[in-house]
Protein backbone atom coordinates (compact mmCIF):
# COMPACT_ATOMS: atom_id res chain seq x y z
CA ASP A 1 122.73 155.59 60.39
CA ASP A 2 124.29 155.75 63.87
CA ARG A 3 122.04 154.74 66.73
CA THR A 4 122.63 154.17 70.41
CA ILE A 5 120.82 151.50 72.40
CA ALA A 6 120.68 152.25 76.09
CA TYR A 7 121.72 149.45 78.42
CA ILE A 8 119.01 148.87 81.01
CA PRO A 9 119.84 145.86 83.21
CA PHE A 10 117.04 143.30 83.39
CA ILE A 11 114.63 145.52 81.43
CA GLY A 12 116.00 145.20 77.88
CA GLY A 13 114.44 143.32 75.03
CA SER A 14 110.74 142.68 75.01
CA GLY A 15 108.26 140.34 76.48
CA PRO A 16 104.63 139.43 76.27
CA ASN A 17 102.41 142.22 75.09
CA PRO A 18 100.08 142.98 78.04
CA LEU A 19 97.49 144.49 75.68
CA ILE A 20 96.91 141.07 74.13
CA ILE A 21 94.24 140.41 76.78
CA THR A 22 92.04 143.00 75.04
CA ARG A 23 91.93 140.91 71.82
CA GLY A 24 89.75 138.05 73.08
CA LEU A 25 90.30 134.63 74.64
CA ILE A 26 91.91 132.80 71.70
CA ALA A 27 94.23 135.70 70.83
CA THR A 28 95.20 135.97 74.50
CA LEU A 29 96.01 132.27 74.83
CA LEU A 30 97.99 132.24 71.59
CA GLY A 31 99.53 135.67 72.05
CA ILE A 32 100.84 135.58 75.62
CA PRO A 33 104.10 133.91 74.59
CA SER A 34 104.47 136.33 71.68
CA ALA A 35 107.01 139.12 71.73
CA SER A 36 106.18 142.80 71.51
CA GLY A 37 108.15 145.88 70.59
CA ALA A 38 111.14 146.59 72.83
CA ILE A 39 111.68 149.99 74.44
CA ASN A 40 115.35 149.88 73.41
CA ALA A 41 114.84 148.54 69.89
CA VAL A 42 116.47 149.75 66.72
CA GLY A 43 113.55 150.24 64.36
CA LEU A 44 113.92 149.66 60.64
CA ARG A 45 111.37 150.43 57.97
CA VAL A 46 110.75 147.57 55.58
CA PRO A 47 109.44 148.75 52.21
CA ASP A 48 105.91 147.74 51.30
CA VAL A 49 105.66 144.83 48.90
CA THR A 50 104.29 145.88 45.52
CA GLU A 51 104.04 142.41 43.96
CA LEU A 52 103.99 138.76 44.96
CA THR A 53 107.32 138.08 46.67
CA HIS A 54 108.96 134.89 47.92
CA ILE A 55 111.87 135.21 50.31
CA VAL A 56 114.20 132.24 50.64
CA GLY A 57 117.48 131.66 52.42
CA ALA A 58 118.92 132.75 55.72
CA PRO A 59 118.55 136.43 56.62
CA GLU A 60 121.69 138.54 56.73
CA LEU A 61 122.43 141.50 58.99
CA THR A 62 125.37 143.87 58.92
CA LEU A 63 125.87 145.77 62.15
CA THR A 64 128.64 148.08 63.30
CA TYR A 65 128.97 147.97 67.07
CA SER A 66 131.24 149.63 69.58
CA GLY A 67 131.15 148.70 73.22
CA ASN A 68 132.08 145.97 75.66
CA GLY A 69 129.73 143.19 74.56
CA THR A 70 131.16 139.82 73.56
CA ALA A 71 128.08 138.10 72.11
CA GLU A 72 128.22 137.24 68.43
CA HIS A 73 124.50 136.68 67.92
CA VAL A 74 121.71 139.16 67.28
CA TYR A 75 118.10 138.45 68.19
CA ALA A 76 115.71 140.06 65.75
CA GLN A 77 111.95 140.13 65.56
CA ILE A 78 109.34 141.63 63.29
CA VAL A 79 106.58 143.62 64.96
CA ASP A 80 103.57 144.93 63.05
CA ASP A 81 103.18 148.62 63.99
CA GLN A 82 99.42 148.47 63.39
CA THR A 83 98.74 145.61 65.80
CA GLY A 84 101.79 145.78 68.06
CA LEU A 85 102.30 142.06 67.51
């Protein structure tokens, strides 16, 4: 699956979800430092769990990249599509 992520200086990634203020005081205080979906994200569908599942160990990611970047780390986050958090 080939995807292209646009490079947008100083606007990439994600940040606090501004809609968190609509969820009440406690959710706002706890949610402001939370991440939200990025406009330049690569979205992956994770299959629904059909039985009790325990996940252990470090996550692994295989990524094929072409470009001029030199970083060797990938920042990943999980965002619930229903809540945006």
